[in-house]
Amino acid sequence: MEEFHKTVVVQNNLGLHARPAGKLSKEAMKFQADITLSYKDMEIDAKSILDILTLGVPKGDTVLLKAKGKDAREAVEALAHLFENRFGEER
């Protein structure tokens, strides 16, 4: 089973708040892989908006994206792209 991971930086001014959390979980649900986000001592299901919000990640902090399964590489790349583009929010 494929497993991929990537560390990404939260660049949004308000951190990983409701709008980016919604986009992240919606994108994660498109993949069959099991996808998690790790922040500090917590690891959550990236397909759950509520789990993402419980992390409370502020701007400038990093999270680890991990995916395991058939489309794990594609999942990590797609989700990392969201982080890199600030979830479509203004710069």
N, C-alpha and C. Protein backbone atom coordinates (compact mmCIF):
# COMPACT_ATOMS: atom_id res chain seq x y z
N MET A 1 0.84 -1.19 0.00
CA MET A 1 0.00 0.00 0.00
C MET A 1 0.89 1.25 0.00
N GLU A 2 0.58 2.15 -0.91
CA GLU A 2 1.37 3.37 -1.01
C GLU A 2 1.13 4.29 0.18
N GLU A 3 2.19 4.96 0.59
CA GLU A 3 2.08 5.94 1.66
C GLU A 3 2.96 7.13 1.31
N PHE A 4 2.39 8.31 1.38
CA PHE A 4 3.12 9.54 1.08
C PHE A 4 2.84 10.56 2.16
N HIS A 5 3.80 11.48 2.33
CA HIS A 5 3.58 12.57 3.29
C HIS A 5 4.32 13.81 2.83
N LYS A 6 3.86 14.94 3.33
CA LYS A 6 4.48 16.23 3.00
C LYS A 6 4.15 17.21 4.10
N THR A 7 5.15 18.01 4.47
CA THR A 7 4.93 19.07 5.46
C THR A 7 4.53 20.34 4.72
N VAL A 8 3.46 20.96 5.17
CA VAL A 8 2.96 22.18 4.55
C VAL A 8 2.82 23.28 5.60
N VAL A 9 2.87 24.53 5.13
CA VAL A 9 2.76 25.69 6.02
C VAL A 9 1.39 26.33 5.83
N VAL A 10 0.74 26.66 6.93
CA VAL A 10 -0.53 27.39 6.87
C VAL A 10 -0.20 28.86 6.64
N GLN A 11 -0.61 29.39 5.48
CA GLN A 11 -0.27 30.76 5.11
C GLN A 11 -1.43 31.74 5.25
N ASN A 12 -2.61 31.23 5.52
CA ASN A 12 -3.78 32.10 5.62
C ASN A 12 -3.69 32.97 6.87
N ASN A 13 -4.07 34.23 6.74
CA ASN A 13 -3.99 35.17 7.86
C ASN A 13 -4.73 34.68 9.09
N LEU A 14 -5.87 34.04 8.90
CA LEU A 14 -6.67 33.57 10.03
C LEU A 14 -6.36 32.12 10.40
N GLY A 15 -5.30 31.57 9.82
CA GLY A 15 -4.94 30.19 10.11
C GLY A 15 -5.85 29.23 9.38
N LEU A 16 -5.94 28.02 9.89
CA LEU A 16 -6.76 26.98 9.27
C LEU A 16 -8.18 27.11 9.81
N HIS A 17 -8.89 28.17 9.38
CA HIS A 17 -10.24 28.45 9.87
C HIS A 17 -11.29 27.74 9.02
N ALA A 18 -12.55 28.06 9.21
CA ALA A 18 -13.66 27.31 8.62
C ALA A 18 -13.61 27.19 7.10
N ARG A 19 -13.35 28.28 6.38
CA ARG A 19 -13.39 28.20 4.92
C ARG A 19 -12.31 27.27 4.38
N PRO A 20 -11.03 27.45 4.77
CA PRO A 20 -10.04 26.50 4.25
C PRO A 20 -10.26 25.08 4.76
N ALA A 21 -10.75 24.93 5.97
CA ALA A 21 -11.02 23.59 6.50
C ALA A 21 -12.07 22.89 5.65
N GLY A 22 -13.08 23.64 5.24
CA GLY A 22 -14.13 23.08 4.38
C GLY A 22 -13.59 22.66 3.03
N LYS A 23 -12.75 23.52 2.44
CA LYS A 23 -12.16 23.18 1.14
C LYS A 23 -11.25 21.97 1.26
N LEU A 24 -10.50 21.91 2.34
CA LEU A 24 -9.57 20.80 2.57
C LEU A 24 -10.32 19.47 2.71
N SER A 25 -11.35 19.45 3.54
CA SER A 25 -12.09 18.20 3.74
C SER A 25 -12.82 17.78 2.47
N LYS A 26 -13.38 18.76 1.75
CA LYS A 26 -14.09 18.45 0.51
C LYS A 26 -13.14 17.84 -0.52
N GLU A 27 -11.94 18.41 -0.65
CA GLU A 27 -10.94 17.88 -1.59
C GLU A 27 -10.48 16.49 -1.14
N ALA A 28 -10.26 16.32 0.16
CA ALA A 28 -9.79 15.03 0.69
C ALA A 28 -10.78 13.92 0.40
N MET A 29 -12.07 14.25 0.43
CA MET A 29 -13.11 13.23 0.21
C MET A 29 -13.12 12.70 -1.22
N LYS A 30 -12.45 13.38 -2.14
CA LYS A 30 -12.39 12.92 -3.52
C LYS A 30 -11.47 11.71 -3.70
N PHE A 31 -10.68 11.42 -2.68
CA PHE A 31 -9.68 10.35 -2.77
C PHE A 31 -10.07 9.14 -1.94
N GLN A 32 -9.64 7.97 -2.41
CA GLN A 32 -9.90 6.74 -1.67
C GLN A 32 -8.94 6.57 -0.50
N ALA A 33 -7.76 7.17 -0.60
CA ALA A 33 -6.73 7.00 0.43
C ALA A 33 -7.21 7.49 1.80
N ASP A 34 -6.64 6.90 2.83
CA ASP A 34 -6.84 7.42 4.19
C ASP A 34 -5.90 8.60 4.33
N ILE A 35 -6.44 9.76 4.67
CA ILE A 35 -5.63 10.98 4.73
C ILE A 35 -5.72 11.58 6.12
N THR A 36 -4.55 11.88 6.68
CA THR A 36 -4.53 12.49 8.01
C THR A 36 -3.71 13.77 7.99
N LEU A 37 -4.01 14.63 8.96
CA LEU A 37 -3.23 15.84 9.21
C LEU A 37 -2.67 15.70 10.61
N SER A 38 -1.39 15.96 10.76
CA SER A 38 -0.77 15.92 12.09
C SER A 38 -0.28 17.31 12.45
N TYR A 39 -0.62 17.72 13.68
CA TYR A 39 -0.21 19.03 14.19
C TYR A 39 0.05 18.87 15.68
N LYS A 40 1.26 19.24 16.08
CA LYS A 40 1.71 19.04 17.46
C LYS A 40 1.52 17.58 17.83
N ASP A 41 0.75 17.27 18.85
CA ASP A 41 0.59 15.86 19.25
C ASP A 41 -0.75 15.27 18.79
N MET A 42 -1.39 15.93 17.82
CA MET A 42 -2.69 15.46 17.34
C MET A 42 -2.60 14.97 15.90
N GLU A 43 -3.34 13.91 15.60
CA GLU A 43 -3.47 13.42 14.23
C GLU A 43 -4.95 13.23 13.96
N ILE A 44 -5.44 13.87 12.91
CA ILE A 44 -6.88 13.83 12.64
C ILE A 44 -7.16 13.37 11.21
N ASP A 45 -8.42 13.03 10.97
CA ASP A 45 -8.90 12.62 9.66
C ASP A 45 -9.11 13.88 8.82
N ALA A 46 -8.38 14.00 7.71
CA ALA A 46 -8.47 15.19 6.85
C ALA A 46 -9.79 15.28 6.11
N LYS A 47 -10.60 14.24 6.17
CA LYS A 47 -11.90 14.28 5.50
C LYS A 47 -12.98 14.84 6.41
N SER A 48 -12.64 15.17 7.65
CA SER A 48 -13.60 15.69 8.62
C SER A 48 -13.33 17.16 8.91
N ILE A 49 -14.25 18.03 8.49
CA ILE A 49 -14.08 19.46 8.74
C ILE A 49 -14.00 19.75 10.24
N LEU A 50 -14.79 19.05 11.04
CA LEU A 50 -14.75 19.30 12.49
C LEU A 50 -13.41 18.91 13.09
N ASP A 51 -12.85 17.79 12.63
CA ASP A 51 -11.53 17.38 13.11
C ASP A 51 -10.48 18.42 12.75
N ILE A 52 -10.56 18.93 11.51
CA ILE A 52 -9.59 19.94 11.06
C ILE A 52 -9.68 21.18 11.94
N LEU A 53 -10.90 21.61 12.22
CA LEU A 53 -11.09 22.82 13.04
C LEU A 53 -10.57 22.63 14.46
N THR A 54 -10.64 21.42 14.99
CA THR A 54 -10.16 21.19 16.37
C THR A 54 -8.66 21.37 16.48
N LEU A 55 -7.94 21.29 15.35
CA LEU A 55 -6.49 21.49 15.41
C LEU A 55 -6.13 22.92 15.77
N GLY A 56 -6.92 23.88 15.30
CA GLY A 56 -6.66 25.29 15.61
C GLY A 56 -5.29 25.76 15.14
N VAL A 57 -4.90 25.43 13.92
CA VAL A 57 -3.56 25.77 13.43
C VAL A 57 -3.51 27.25 13.04
N PRO A 58 -2.61 28.02 13.65
CA PRO A 58 -2.47 29.44 13.30
C PRO A 58 -1.59 29.65 12.08
N LYS A 59 -1.64 30.85 11.53
CA LYS A 59 -0.79 31.21 10.39
C LYS A 59 0.68 31.00 10.76
N GLY A 60 1.42 30.44 9.80
CA GLY A 60 2.86 30.26 9.99
C GLY A 60 3.27 28.92 10.56
N ASP A 61 2.33 28.17 11.12
CA ASP A 61 2.65 26.85 11.66
C ASP A 61 2.59 25.80 10.54
N THR A 62 3.26 24.68 10.78
CA THR A 62 3.28 23.61 9.79
C THR A 62 2.43 22.43 10.25
N VAL A 63 1.90 21.73 9.26
CA VAL A 63 1.18 20.49 9.53
C VAL A 63 1.75 19.42 8.59
N LEU A 64 1.63 18.17 9.00
CA LEU A 64 2.09 17.06 8.18
C LEU A 64 0.88 16.39 7.54
N LEU A 65 0.87 16.37 6.22
CA LEU A 65 -0.16 15.68 5.45
C LEU A 65 0.32 14.27 5.21
N LYS A 66 -0.51 13.28 5.53
CA LYS A 66 -0.14 11.89 5.26
C LYS A 66 -1.30 11.19 4.59
N ALA A 67 -0.97 10.38 3.60
CA ALA A 67 -2.00 9.60 2.91
C ALA A 67 -1.50 8.18 2.70
N LYS A 68 -2.42 7.25 2.84
CA LYS A 68 -2.10 5.83 2.68
C LYS A 68 -3.20 5.20 1.83
N GLY A 69 -2.78 4.56 0.74
CA GLY A 69 -3.75 3.90 -0.13
C GLY A 69 -3.41 4.06 -1.59
N LYS A 70 -4.34 3.62 -2.44
CA LYS A 70 -4.13 3.55 -3.87
C LYS A 70 -3.76 4.90 -4.49
N ASP A 71 -4.45 5.96 -4.12
CA ASP A 71 -4.22 7.28 -4.71
C ASP A 71 -3.56 8.25 -3.72
N ALA A 72 -2.72 7.71 -2.86
CA ALA A 72 -2.09 8.50 -1.80
C ALA A 72 -1.24 9.65 -2.34
N ARG A 73 -0.43 9.38 -3.36
CA ARG A 73 0.43 10.43 -3.91
C ARG A 73 -0.42 11.59 -4.45
N GLU A 74 -1.43 11.27 -5.24
CA GLU A 74 -2.30 12.29 -5.82
C GLU A 74 -3.00 13.09 -4.73
N ALA A 75 -3.42 12.42 -3.67
CA ALA A 75 -4.11 13.09 -2.58
C ALA A 75 -3.19 14.11 -1.89
N VAL A 76 -1.98 13.69 -1.57
CA VAL A 76 -1.03 14.59 -0.90
C VAL A 76 -0.71 15.78 -1.80
N GLU A 77 -0.49 15.52 -3.08
CA GLU A 77 -0.17 16.61 -4.00
C GLU A 77 -1.32 17.60 -4.12
N ALA A 78 -2.54 17.10 -4.23
CA ALA A 78 -3.71 17.98 -4.37
C ALA A 78 -3.94 18.82 -3.11
N LEU A 79 -3.81 18.20 -1.94
CA LEU A 79 -4.04 18.93 -0.70
C LEU A 79 -2.91 19.92 -0.41
N ALA A 80 -1.68 19.53 -0.73
CA ALA A 80 -0.55 20.45 -0.55
C ALA A 80 -0.73 21.67 -1.45
N HIS A 81 -1.27 21.46 -2.64
CA HIS A 81 -1.52 22.56 -3.57
C HIS A 81 -2.50 23.58 -2.95
N LEU A 82 -3.51 23.09 -2.25
CA LEU A 82 -4.45 24.00 -1.57
C LEU A 82 -3.72 24.88 -0.56
N PHE A 83 -2.86 24.27 0.26
CA PHE A 83 -2.10 25.03 1.24
C PHE A 83 -1.21 26.07 0.55
N GLU A 84 -0.52 25.64 -0.51
CA GLU A 84 0.43 26.51 -1.21
C GLU A 84 -0.28 27.71 -1.84
N ASN A 85 -1.54 27.54 -2.23
CA ASN A 85 -2.31 28.60 -2.85
C ASN A 85 -3.25 29.29 -1.87
N ARG A 86 -3.00 29.11 -0.59
CA ARG A 86 -3.80 29.76 0.46
C ARG A 86 -5.29 29.49 0.33
N PHE A 87 -5.64 28.32 -0.18
CA PHE A 87 -7.04 27.92 -0.32
C PHE A 87 -7.84 28.92 -1.14
N GLY A 88 -7.16 29.64 -2.05
CA GLY A 88 -7.84 30.60 -2.91
C GLY A 88 -8.14 31.94 -2.26
N GLU A 89 -7.67 32.13 -1.03
CA GLU A 89 -7.92 33.41 -0.35
C GLU A 89 -6.86 34.43 -0.78
N GLU A 90 -7.16 35.71 -0.58
CA GLU A 90 -6.24 36.77 -0.98
C GLU A 90 -4.93 36.67 -0.24
N ARG A 91 -3.90 37.19 -0.85
CA ARG A 91 -2.55 37.12 -0.26
C ARG A 91 -2.29 38.26 0.66
